[in-house]
Amino acid sequence: MAAVPLTAWVVDDDDSVRWVMERALTQDGINVRCFERAEPMLEALKTQHPDVLVTDVRMPGIDGLQVVNHLDTAGISLPVIVITAHSDLDSAVAAYQAGAFEYLPKPFDIDEAVALVRRAADAGQPANDELETPEVMSAMVGQAPAMQDVFRSIGRLSKSSMTVLITGESGTGKELVARALHENSPRVRQPFVALNTTAIAADLLESELFGHERGSFTGADQRRIGRFEQADGGTLFLDEIGDMSADLQTRLLRVLAEGEFYRVGGQVPIKVDTRIIAATNQDLNKAVEEGRFREDLYHRLNVISIVTPPLRRRSEDIPALLAYYLAKSADELGVDAKSLAPDALEALQVFDWPGNVRQLVNACRKLTVVAPGNEIHRDDIPEELGGSGADATAQGDWTAALTQWAQQAIANSDESLLDQAAPEFEKTLINTALAHCNGRRQDAAKLLGWGRNTLTRKIKELGID
């Protein structure tokens, strides 16, 4: 007996999307029925149900999220794939919280869409527990595929309290992701407590995390409640977790495993229900191999992993980020928001942004203050940000000089190129970062994308004064 073909319904007010989906699904052996609006589709549901429903979000009349909510209210178990051209964090989270099977931003790969329809039919509809959609982080702007992956992850985790490890370069917005995870979780009404573990002296970090009893050490004049207790019922965000000492790693592992700890100097265990979200710019796999990070703690933290992409991998998001942060900077300073002339936007979009979004935010503040008039031109952009005064070396032609040096080194020396160049390369970057930060190693380490301990070790190895 021949298998009954799958049936998929497509609801989209865009003629071209309906045409492409109908053609692709039909060629894959799936029966397709298309609707321009949601209302006739909901009427058709009264007499028959497809195996999968594909719906746009923004449509005249009833929108896609209202469709998903209608199915839930009517008790219709049907996997829904939500597609949208407005692929922001708000849409992603709302789609998943409404009970959608998957969220697919436009433009999408048609083969991926067909495969997703078949996967949705096999999986069926997930449970849809009612949950109010909380406010999300509007600063998380992103159309780039790498950011869409981040949005999907936040959406999928919106009904859970799983431990999450966020990795990525310095300045890529790891704390923004952590806050979005909290604000779109069942713990949204409970505290969100953030702690940069490298900003606290190592001998004070234990007390900062777990608190202490009065008299437990010199200066402990009264009992102190640590960050774990402050975040009880909510979320504790531990940034730069890769630099945590071995002793504190052991204590953190116990809290994650047993849900309890002792204050410094305390004798009574303290039980907490605290969700942990950790972040690092380091390669923890490598740190585990080198014995700098406990493997069992790594696996406890890395239940779910989210990677925040560097800005150079999402250049298409730069115009929207600039517009958002220029407006925000103007609001903070109480002045009119400035716009970018085409030449200025082009210069900033091709700039490499080694400091990622954090550097872009600071650039917007600086331009809001120093650029004359209401429109920013390339001449207004500082050289270090790729303005018109930037020389070729600062903009990337230093690689040509490096090539020339390598050719000369090959002709004049038998020594390995990397053995000659790598130490000088690192010395130059370290000295530049230290000079920029007035010798503050913690700040210089962040600019370099390292932890403070790594910078200290490199300074010693390279003999930097």
Foldseek 3Di string as FASTA:
>chain_A
DDDDAFEEEEEALDPVVLVLLCVLLVVVVYHYDYHNHVVVVVVVVVPDDGLAYEAEADDPDDGDLNVLLVCVVVVNWHAYEYEYQPLFLLVLQSCLQSFHPYYHYPPDDSVVVSVVRVVCSVVTTDDRDHDDAFDADPLLFAPFPLSSVLSNVLNNLLADLAFEEEEEFAQLCPVSSVLRSQCSYPLNVFDEAEDAQQVDPLVCSLCQAAWAAAPLDPPRNHTDHHPQVNRFSGEYEYEAVLPHAPVVLVQVLCCLVPQWHARRVGDDIDHGDYRYYYYHHDDVVVCVVVVSHPPSSVCSNHPDYRYRYFCQSRLVRVQVSLQVLQCVLCVVVVHDRAEEDPQLSVQQSLFNPLNGSVVSNVQSNVCNPQPPDRYHYLCSRDLCRRGPPPDPCSRPCVVVVVVVVVVVCVVPHPDDPCVVPVLVVVVVLLVVLCVVVVNPQCRSCSSVRHHSVVSVVSCVVSVPD
